[in-house]
Amino acid sequence: AYVHAVQMGWGIGVAPELQVRPLLASGALVALRPEV
């Protein structure tokens, strides 16, 4: 639900890269300051 809420625009999330990797690839989420 945390990742789903981030997709819905509830706020910024700090999540496992393993979990959000497909969403980053599809453009559903965007990484913020990916060097951090």
PDB file of all heavy atoms in Angstrom:
ATOM      1  N   ALA A   1       0.823  -1.202   0.000  1.00  0.00           N
ATOM      2  CA  ALA A   1       0.000   0.000   0.000  1.00  0.00           C
ATOM      3  C   ALA A   1       0.866   1.265   0.000  1.00  0.00           C
ATOM      4  O   ALA A   1       0.474   2.293  -0.568  1.00  0.00           O
ATOM      5  CB  ALA A   1      -0.928  -0.003   1.209  1.00  0.00           C
ATOM      6  N   TYR A   2       2.021   1.186   0.622  1.00  0.00           N
ATOM      7  CA  TYR A   2       2.947   2.324   0.649  1.00  0.00           C
ATOM      8  C   TYR A   2       3.329   2.727  -0.773  1.00  0.00           C
ATOM      9  O   TYR A   2       3.231   3.896  -1.155  1.00  0.00           O
ATOM     10  CB  TYR A   2       4.178   1.924   1.458  1.00  0.00           C
ATOM     11  CG  TYR A   2       5.221   2.999   1.635  1.00  0.00           C
ATOM     12  CD1 TYR A   2       5.282   3.755   2.798  1.00  0.00           C
ATOM     13  CD2 TYR A   2       6.189   3.238   0.652  1.00  0.00           C
ATOM     14  CE1 TYR A   2       6.251   4.732   2.974  1.00  0.00           C
ATOM     15  CE2 TYR A   2       7.160   4.209   0.818  1.00  0.00           C
ATOM     16  CZ  TYR A   2       7.185   4.955   1.982  1.00  0.00           C
ATOM     17  OH  TYR A   2       8.134   5.923   2.149  1.00  0.00           O
ATOM     18  N   VAL A   3       3.756   1.762  -1.560  1.00  0.00           N
ATOM     19  CA  VAL A   3       4.162   2.055  -2.936  1.00  0.00           C
ATOM     20  C   VAL A   3       2.961   2.519  -3.755  1.00  0.00           C
ATOM     21  O   VAL A   3       3.070   3.423  -4.591  1.00  0.00           O
ATOM     22  CB  VAL A   3       4.825   0.820  -3.566  1.00  0.00           C
ATOM     23  CG1 VAL A   3       5.094   1.042  -5.053  1.00  0.00           C
ATOM     24  CG2 VAL A   3       6.138   0.505  -2.846  1.00  0.00           C
ATOM     25  N   HIS A   4       1.808   1.923  -3.508  1.00  0.00           N
ATOM     26  CA  HIS A   4       0.591   2.339  -4.216  1.00  0.00           C
ATOM     27  C   HIS A   4       0.257   3.794  -3.886  1.00  0.00           C
ATOM     28  O   HIS A   4      -0.129   4.579  -4.768  1.00  0.00           O
ATOM     29  CB  HIS A   4      -0.573   1.435  -3.837  1.00  0.00           C
ATOM     30  CG  HIS A   4      -1.790   1.627  -4.680  1.00  0.00           C
ATOM     31  ND1 HIS A   4      -3.061   1.274  -4.267  1.00  0.00           N
ATOM     32  CD2 HIS A   4      -1.944   2.166  -5.913  1.00  0.00           C
ATOM     33  CE1 HIS A   4      -3.937   1.581  -5.206  1.00  0.00           C
ATOM     34  NE2 HIS A   4      -3.291   2.118  -6.217  1.00  0.00           N
ATOM     35  N   ALA A   5       0.408   4.175  -2.623  1.00  0.00           N
ATOM     36  CA  ALA A   5       0.129   5.552  -2.219  1.00  0.00           C
ATOM     37  C   ALA A   5       1.101   6.529  -2.878  1.00  0.00           C
ATOM     38  O   ALA A   5       0.722   7.651  -3.242  1.00  0.00           O
ATOM     39  CB  ALA A   5       0.205   5.674  -0.693  1.00  0.00           C
ATOM     40  N   VAL A   6       2.353   6.113  -3.045  1.00  0.00           N
ATOM     41  CA  VAL A   6       3.308   6.965  -3.753  1.00  0.00           C
ATOM     42  C   VAL A   6       2.857   7.151  -5.195  1.00  0.00           C
ATOM     43  O   VAL A   6       2.882   8.273  -5.730  1.00  0.00           O
ATOM     44  CB  VAL A   6       4.726   6.363  -3.705  1.00  0.00           C
ATOM     45  CG1 VAL A   6       5.698   7.224  -4.525  1.00  0.00           C
ATOM     46  CG2 VAL A   6       5.221   6.257  -2.271  1.00  0.00           C
ATOM     47  N   GLN A   7       2.407   6.073  -5.848  1.00  0.00           N
ATOM     48  CA  GLN A   7       1.904   6.175  -7.218  1.00  0.00           C
ATOM     49  C   GLN A   7       0.717   7.127  -7.318  1.00  0.00           C
ATOM     50  O   GLN A   7       0.559   7.835  -8.318  1.00  0.00           O
ATOM     51  CB  GLN A   7       1.473   4.794  -7.724  1.00  0.00           C
ATOM     52  CG  GLN A   7       2.607   3.832  -8.024  1.00  0.00           C
ATOM     53  CD  GLN A   7       2.058   2.521  -8.550  1.00  0.00           C
ATOM     54  OE1 GLN A   7       1.908   1.541  -7.811  1.00  0.00           O
ATOM     55  NE2 GLN A   7       1.743   2.508  -9.821  1.00  0.00           N
ATOM     56  N   MET A   8      -0.141   7.129  -6.276  1.00  0.00           N
ATOM     57  CA  MET A   8      -1.324   7.977  -6.287  1.00  0.00           C
ATOM     58  C   MET A   8      -1.006   9.436  -5.988  1.00  0.00           C
ATOM     59  O   MET A   8      -1.890  10.289  -6.054  1.00  0.00           O
ATOM     60  CB  MET A   8      -2.337   7.448  -5.264  1.00  0.00           C
ATOM     61  CG  MET A   8      -2.873   6.064  -5.597  1.00  0.00           C
ATOM     62  SD  MET A   8      -3.857   5.357  -4.245  1.00  0.00           S
ATOM     63  CE  MET A   8      -5.254   6.481  -4.225  1.00  0.00           C
ATOM     64  N   GLY A   9       0.245   9.726  -5.656  1.00  0.00           N
ATOM     65  CA  GLY A   9       0.641  11.098  -5.404  1.00  0.00           C
ATOM     66  C   GLY A   9       0.431  11.562  -3.986  1.00  0.00           C
ATOM     67  O   GLY A   9       0.382  12.767  -3.724  1.00  0.00           O
ATOM     68  N   TRP A  10       0.334  10.621  -3.034  1.00  0.00           N
ATOM     69  CA  TRP A  10       0.137  11.006  -1.638  1.00  0.00           C
ATOM     70  C   TRP A  10       1.376  11.666  -1.044  1.00  0.00           C
ATOM     71  O   TRP A  10       1.274  12.389  -0.061  1.00  0.00           O
ATOM     72  CB  TRP A  10      -0.230   9.774  -0.815  1.00  0.00           C
ATOM     73  CG  TRP A  10      -1.654   9.353  -0.966  1.00  0.00           C
ATOM     74  CD1 TRP A  10      -2.474   9.566  -2.039  1.00  0.00           C
ATOM     75  CD2 TRP A  10      -2.416   8.614  -0.009  1.00  0.00           C
ATOM     76  NE1 TRP A  10      -3.699   9.001  -1.818  1.00  0.00           N
ATOM     77  CE2 TRP A  10      -3.696   8.418  -0.571  1.00  0.00           C
ATOM     78  CE3 TRP A  10      -2.143   8.102   1.245  1.00  0.00           C
ATOM     79  CZ2 TRP A  10      -4.704   7.744   0.102  1.00  0.00           C
ATOM     80  CZ3 TRP A  10      -3.139   7.418   1.917  1.00  0.00           C
ATOM     81  CH2 TRP A  10      -4.416   7.252   1.344  1.00  0.00           C
ATOM     82  N   GLY A  11       2.527  11.388  -1.594  1.00  0.00           N
ATOM     83  CA  GLY A  11       3.741  11.981  -1.067  1.00  0.00           C
ATOM     84  C   GLY A  11       4.971  11.313  -1.642  1.00  0.00           C
ATOM     85  O   GLY A  11       4.885  10.433  -2.510  1.00  0.00           O
ATOM     86  N   ILE A  12       6.113  11.751  -1.147  1.00  0.00           N
ATOM     87  CA  ILE A  12       7.400  11.179  -1.543  1.00  0.00           C
ATOM     88  C   ILE A  12       7.631   9.918  -0.719  1.00  0.00           C
ATOM     89  O   ILE A  12       7.380   9.884   0.488  1.00  0.00           O
ATOM     90  CB  ILE A  12       8.526  12.191  -1.297  1.00  0.00           C
ATOM     91  CG1 ILE A  12       8.310  13.439  -2.158  1.00  0.00           C
ATOM     92  CG2 ILE A  12       9.895  11.582  -1.585  1.00  0.00           C
ATOM     93  CD1 ILE A  12       9.192  14.601  -1.775  1.00  0.00           C
ATOM     94  N   GLY A  13       8.121   8.876  -1.360  1.00  0.00           N
ATOM     95  CA  GLY A  13       8.413   7.639  -0.659  1.00  0.00           C
ATOM     96  C   GLY A  13       9.886   7.301  -0.734  1.00  0.00           C
ATOM     97  O   GLY A  13      10.570   7.682  -1.688  1.00  0.00           O
ATOM     98  N   VAL A  14      10.382   6.621   0.280  1.00  0.00           N
ATOM     99  CA  VAL A  14      11.725   6.036   0.255  1.00  0.00           C
ATOM    100  C   VAL A  14      11.509   4.531   0.361  1.00  0.00           C
ATOM    101  O   VAL A  14      11.165   4.013   1.426  1.00  0.00           O
ATOM    102  CB  VAL A  14      12.606   6.570   1.397  1.00  0.00           C
ATOM    103  CG1 VAL A  14      13.997   5.947   1.317  1.00  0.00           C
ATOM    104  CG2 VAL A  14      12.710   8.092   1.320  1.00  0.00           C
ATOM    105  N   ALA A  15      11.672   3.848  -0.761  1.00  0.00           N
ATOM    106  CA  ALA A  15      11.258   2.454  -0.878  1.00  0.00           C
ATOM    107  C   ALA A  15      12.393   1.599  -1.415  1.00  0.00           C
ATOM    108  O   ALA A  15      13.361   2.118  -1.991  1.00  0.00           O
ATOM    109  CB  ALA A  15      10.043   2.357  -1.814  1.00  0.00           C
ATOM    110  N   PRO A  16      12.293   0.276  -1.251  1.00  0.00           N
ATOM    111  CA  PRO A  16      13.320  -0.607  -1.808  1.00  0.00           C
ATOM    112  C   PRO A  16      13.387  -0.483  -3.325  1.00  0.00           C
ATOM    113  O   PRO A  16      12.356  -0.554  -4.010  1.00  0.00           O
ATOM    114  CB  PRO A  16      12.859  -2.010  -1.389  1.00  0.00           C
ATOM    115  CG  PRO A  16      11.952  -1.792  -0.232  1.00  0.00           C
ATOM    116  CD  PRO A  16      11.282  -0.486  -0.487  1.00  0.00           C
ATOM    117  N   GLU A  17      14.588  -0.308  -3.843  1.00  0.00           N
ATOM    118  CA  GLU A  17      14.755  -0.229  -5.292  1.00  0.00           C
ATOM    119  C   GLU A  17      14.238  -1.500  -5.955  1.00  0.00           C
ATOM    120  O   GLU A  17      13.665  -1.452  -7.048  1.00  0.00           O
ATOM    121  CB  GLU A  17      16.234  -0.010  -5.617  1.00  0.00           C
ATOM    122  CG  GLU A  17      16.528   0.310  -7.071  1.00  0.00           C
ATOM    123  CD  GLU A  17      16.717  -0.934  -7.923  1.00  0.00           C
ATOM    124  OE1 GLU A  17      17.037  -2.000  -7.351  1.00  0.00           O
ATOM    125  OE2 GLU A  17      16.549  -0.845  -9.154  1.00  0.00           O
ATOM    126  N   LEU A  18      14.408  -2.628  -5.298  1.00  0.00           N
ATOM    127  CA  LEU A  18      13.920  -3.893  -5.829  1.00  0.00           C
ATOM    128  C   LEU A  18      12.409  -3.857  -6.035  1.00  0.00           C
ATOM    129  O   LEU A  18      11.892  -4.418  -7.015  1.00  0.00           O
ATOM    130  CB  LEU A  18      14.301  -5.015  -4.850  1.00  0.00           C
ATOM    131  CG  LEU A  18      13.841  -6.431  -5.160  1.00  0.00           C
ATOM    132  CD1 LEU A  18      14.460  -6.923  -6.453  1.00  0.00           C
ATOM    133  CD2 LEU A  18      14.207  -7.366  -4.000  1.00  0.00           C
ATOM    134  N   GLN A  19      11.689  -3.213  -5.146  1.00  0.00           N
ATOM    135  CA  GLN A  19      10.231  -3.177  -5.210  1.00  0.00           C
ATOM    136  C   GLN A  19       9.716  -2.206  -6.277  1.00  0.00           C
ATOM    137  O   GLN A  19       8.708  -2.474  -6.935  1.00  0.00           O
ATOM    138  CB  GLN A  19       9.666  -2.791  -3.844  1.00  0.00           C
ATOM    139  CG  GLN A  19       8.165  -2.913  -3.725  1.00  0.00           C
ATOM    140  CD  GLN A  19       7.681  -2.631  -2.314  1.00  0.00           C
ATOM    141  OE1 GLN A  19       8.426  -2.112  -1.482  1.00  0.00           O
ATOM    142  NE2 GLN A  19       6.439  -2.963  -2.028  1.00  0.00           N
ATOM    143  N   VAL A  20      10.382  -1.068  -6.455  1.00  0.00           N
ATOM    144  CA  VAL A  20       9.875  -0.038  -7.373  1.00  0.00           C
ATOM    145  C   VAL A  20      10.528  -0.089  -8.737  1.00  0.00           C
ATOM    146  O   VAL A  20      10.179   0.705  -9.620  1.00  0.00           O
ATOM    147  CB  VAL A  20      10.052   1.367  -6.763  1.00  0.00           C
ATOM    148  CG1 VAL A  20       9.293   1.479  -5.447  1.00  0.00           C
ATOM    149  CG2 VAL A  20      11.525   1.706  -6.551  1.00  0.00           C
ATOM    150  N   ARG A  21      11.453  -1.018  -8.948  1.00  0.00           N
ATOM    151  CA  ARG A  21      12.173  -1.087 -10.222  1.00  0.00           C
ATOM    152  C   ARG A  21      11.237  -1.152 -11.432  1.00  0.00           C
ATOM    153  O   ARG A  21      11.416  -0.401 -12.400  1.00  0.00           O
ATOM    154  CB  ARG A  21      13.126  -2.281 -10.202  1.00  0.00           C
ATOM    155  CG  ARG A  21      14.095  -2.342 -11.373  1.00  0.00           C
ATOM    156  CD  ARG A  21      14.946  -3.595 -11.240  1.00  0.00           C
ATOM    157  NE  ARG A  21      15.730  -3.583 -10.012  1.00  0.00           N
ATOM    158  CZ  ARG A  21      16.256  -4.681  -9.470  1.00  0.00           C
ATOM    159  NH1 ARG A  21      16.055  -5.865 -10.016  1.00  0.00           N
ATOM    160  NH2 ARG A  21      16.979  -4.593  -8.371  1.00  0.00           N
ATOM    161  N   PRO A  22      10.202  -2.022 -11.437  1.00  0.00           N
ATOM    162  CA  PRO A  22       9.308  -2.051 -12.606  1.00  0.00           C
ATOM    163  C   PRO A  22       8.545  -0.736 -12.803  1.00  0.00           C
ATOM    164  O   PRO A  22       8.269  -0.348 -13.946  1.00  0.00           O
ATOM    165  CB  PRO A  22       8.350  -3.209 -12.281  1.00  0.00           C
ATOM    166  CG  PRO A  22       9.043  -4.024 -11.252  1.00  0.00           C
ATOM    167  CD  PRO A  22       9.854  -3.064 -10.449  1.00  0.00           C
ATOM    168  N   LEU A  23       8.194  -0.068 -11.715  1.00  0.00           N
ATOM    169  CA  LEU A  23       7.452   1.180 -11.819  1.00  0.00           C
ATOM    170  C   LEU A  23       8.336   2.305 -12.351  1.00  0.00           C
ATOM    171  O   LEU A  23       7.859   3.203 -13.060  1.00  0.00           O
ATOM    172  CB  LEU A  23       6.872   1.558 -10.457  1.00  0.00           C
ATOM    173  CG  LEU A  23       5.897   0.539  -9.863  1.00  0.00           C
ATOM    174  CD1 LEU A  23       5.520   0.905  -8.437  1.00  0.00           C
ATOM    175  CD2 LEU A  23       4.647   0.441 -10.733  1.00  0.00           C
ATOM    176  N   LEU A  24       9.611   2.273 -12.023  1.00  0.00           N
ATOM    177  CA  LEU A  24      10.542   3.238 -12.597  1.00  0.00           C
ATOM    178  C   LEU A  24      10.713   2.991 -14.094  1.00  0.00           C
ATOM    179  O   LEU A  24      10.749   3.933 -14.895  1.00  0.00           O
ATOM    180  CB  LEU A  24      11.901   3.149 -11.897  1.00  0.00           C
ATOM    181  CG  LEU A  24      11.938   3.561 -10.418  1.00  0.00           C
ATOM    182  CD1 LEU A  24      13.293   3.223  -9.814  1.00  0.00           C
ATOM    183  CD2 LEU A  24      11.651   5.052 -10.265  1.00  0.00           C
ATOM    184  N   ALA A  25      10.792   1.718 -14.479  1.00  0.00           N
ATOM    185  CA  ALA A  25      10.977   1.387 -15.897  1.00  0.00           C
ATOM    186  C   ALA A  25       9.770   1.799 -16.734  1.00  0.00           C
ATOM    187  O   ALA A  25       9.919   2.230 -17.882  1.00  0.00           O
ATOM    188  CB  ALA A  25      11.241  -0.108 -16.044  1.00  0.00           C
ATOM    189  N   SER A  26       8.572   1.700 -16.160  1.00  0.00           N
ATOM    190  CA  SER A  26       7.352   2.042 -16.898  1.00  0.00           C
ATOM    191  C   SER A  26       7.040   3.539 -16.863  1.00  0.00           C
ATOM    192  O   SER A  26       6.157   3.996 -17.584  1.00  0.00           O
ATOM    193  CB  SER A  26       6.164   1.278 -16.326  1.00  0.00           C
ATOM    194  OG  SER A  26       5.849   1.748 -15.014  1.00  0.00           O
ATOM    195  N   GLY A  27       7.726   4.281 -16.005  1.00  0.00           N
ATOM    196  CA  GLY A  27       7.447   5.707 -15.876  1.00  0.00           C
ATOM    197  C   GLY A  27       6.369   6.037 -14.879  1.00  0.00           C
ATOM    198  O   GLY A  27       6.007   7.211 -14.710  1.00  0.00           O
ATOM    199  N   ALA A  28       5.839   5.024 -14.179  1.00  0.00           N
ATOM    200  CA  ALA A  28       4.803   5.283 -13.175  1.00  0.00           C
ATOM    201  C   ALA A  28       5.364   6.030 -11.974  1.00  0.00           C
ATOM    202  O   ALA A  28       4.638   6.751 -11.281  1.00  0.00           O
ATOM    203  CB  ALA A  28       4.162   3.973 -12.724  1.00  0.00           C
ATOM    204  N   LEU A  29       6.664   5.840 -11.699  1.00  0.00           N
ATOM    205  CA  LEU A  29       7.354   6.575 -10.641  1.00  0.00           C
ATOM    206  C   LEU A  29       8.645   7.153 -11.192  1.00  0.00           C
ATOM    207  O   LEU A  29       9.195   6.661 -12.186  1.00  0.00           O
ATOM    208  CB  LEU A  29       7.670   5.659  -9.448  1.00  0.00           C
ATOM    209  CG  LEU A  29       6.496   5.148  -8.614  1.00  0.00           C
ATOM    210  CD1 LEU A  29       7.000   4.216  -7.521  1.00  0.00           C
ATOM    211  CD2 LEU A  29       5.690   6.295  -8.025  1.00  0.00           C
ATOM    212  N   VAL A  30       9.122   8.183 -10.520  1.00  0.00           N
ATOM    213  CA  VAL A  30      10.371   8.837 -10.902  1.00  0.00           C
ATOM    214  C   VAL A  30      11.296   8.846  -9.690  1.00  0.00           C
ATOM    215  O   VAL A  30      10.854   9.144  -8.570  1.00  0.00           O
ATOM    216  CB  VAL A  30      10.117  10.281 -11.384  1.00  0.00           C
ATOM    217  CG1 VAL A  30      11.442  10.984 -11.696  1.00  0.00           C
ATOM    218  CG2 VAL A  30       9.207  10.289 -12.600  1.00  0.00           C
ATOM    219  N   ALA A  31      12.572   8.504  -9.901  1.00  0.00           N
ATOM    220  CA  ALA A  31      13.547   8.538  -8.827  1.00  0.00           C
ATOM    221  C   ALA A  31      13.977   9.979  -8.561  1.00  0.00           C
ATOM    222  O   ALA A  31      14.211  10.755  -9.492  1.00  0.00           O
ATOM    223  CB  ALA A  31      14.760   7.687  -9.183  1.00  0.00           C
ATOM    224  N   LEU A  32      14.063  10.353  -7.288  1.00  0.00           N
ATOM    225  CA  LEU A  32      14.497  11.680  -6.875  1.00  0.00           C
ATOM    226  C   LEU A  32      15.942  11.594  -6.393  1.00  0.00           C
ATOM    227  O   LEU A  32      16.255  10.762  -5.525  1.00  0.00           O
ATOM    228  CB  LEU A  32      13.606  12.215  -5.755  1.00  0.00           C
ATOM    229  CG  LEU A  32      12.099  12.241  -6.050  1.00  0.00           C
ATOM    230  CD1 LEU A  32      11.331  12.662  -4.799  1.00  0.00           C
ATOM    231  CD2 LEU A  32      11.793  13.167  -7.209  1.00  0.00           C
ATOM    232  N   ARG A  33      16.792  12.421  -6.945  1.00  0.00           N
ATOM    233  CA  ARG A  33      18.205  12.407  -6.572  1.00  0.00           C
ATOM    234  C   ARG A  33      18.721  10.967  -6.514  1.00  0.00           C
ATOM    235  O   ARG A  33      19.102  10.466  -5.437  1.00  0.00           O
ATOM    236  CB  ARG A  33      18.417  13.133  -5.243  1.00  0.00           C
ATOM    237  CG  ARG A  33      17.972  14.592  -5.256  1.00  0.00           C
ATOM    238  CD  ARG A  33      18.167  15.256  -3.913  1.00  0.00           C
ATOM    239  NE  ARG A  33      19.579  15.408  -3.601  1.00  0.00           N
ATOM    240  CZ  ARG A  33      20.306  16.505  -3.859  1.00  0.00           C
ATOM    241  NH1 ARG A  33      19.729  17.562  -4.427  1.00  0.00           N
ATOM    242  NH2 ARG A  33      21.578  16.566  -3.536  1.00  0.00           N
ATOM    243  N   PRO A  34      18.711  10.276  -7.644  1.00  0.00           N
ATOM    244  CA  PRO A  34      19.048   8.842  -7.656  1.00  0.00           C
ATOM    245  C   PRO A  34      20.453   8.526  -7.177  1.00  0.00           C
ATOM    246  O   PRO A  34      20.744   7.361  -6.848  1.00  0.00           O
ATOM    247  CB  PRO A  34      18.857   8.451  -9.130  1.00  0.00           C
ATOM    248  CG  PRO A  34      18.929   9.740  -9.887  1.00  0.00           C
ATOM    249  CD  PRO A  34      18.380  10.791  -8.985  1.00  0.00           C
ATOM    250  N   GLU A  35      21.319   9.543  -7.104  1.00  0.00           N
ATOM    251  CA  GLU A  35      22.668   9.284  -6.599  1.00  0.00           C
ATOM    252  C   GLU A  35      22.688   9.082  -5.080  1.00  0.00           C
ATOM    253  O   GLU A  35      23.683   8.609  -4.521  1.00  0.00           O
ATOM    254  CB  GLU A  35      23.595  10.446  -6.976  1.00  0.00           C
ATOM    255  CG  GLU A  35      23.400  11.737  -6.193  1.00  0.00           C
ATOM    256  CD  GLU A  35      22.214  12.583  -6.667  1.00  0.00           C
ATOM    257  OE1 GLU A  35      21.498  12.132  -7.584  1.00  0.00           O
ATOM    258  OE2 GLU A  35      22.026  13.685  -6.126  1.00  0.00           O
ATOM    259  N   VAL A  36      21.569   9.448  -4.417  1.00  0.00           N
ATOM    260  CA  VAL A  36      21.474   9.308  -2.962  1.00  0.00           C
ATOM    261  C   VAL A  36      20.706   8.032  -2.642  1.00  0.00           C
ATOM    262  O   VAL A  36      19.522   7.912  -2.978  1.00  0.00           O
ATOM    263  CB  VAL A  36      20.777  10.523  -2.328  1.00  0.00           C
ATOM    264  CG1 VAL A  36      20.706  10.353  -0.808  1.00  0.00           C
ATOM    265  CG2 VAL A  36      21.505  11.809  -2.695  1.00  0.00           C
TER     266      VAL A  36
END
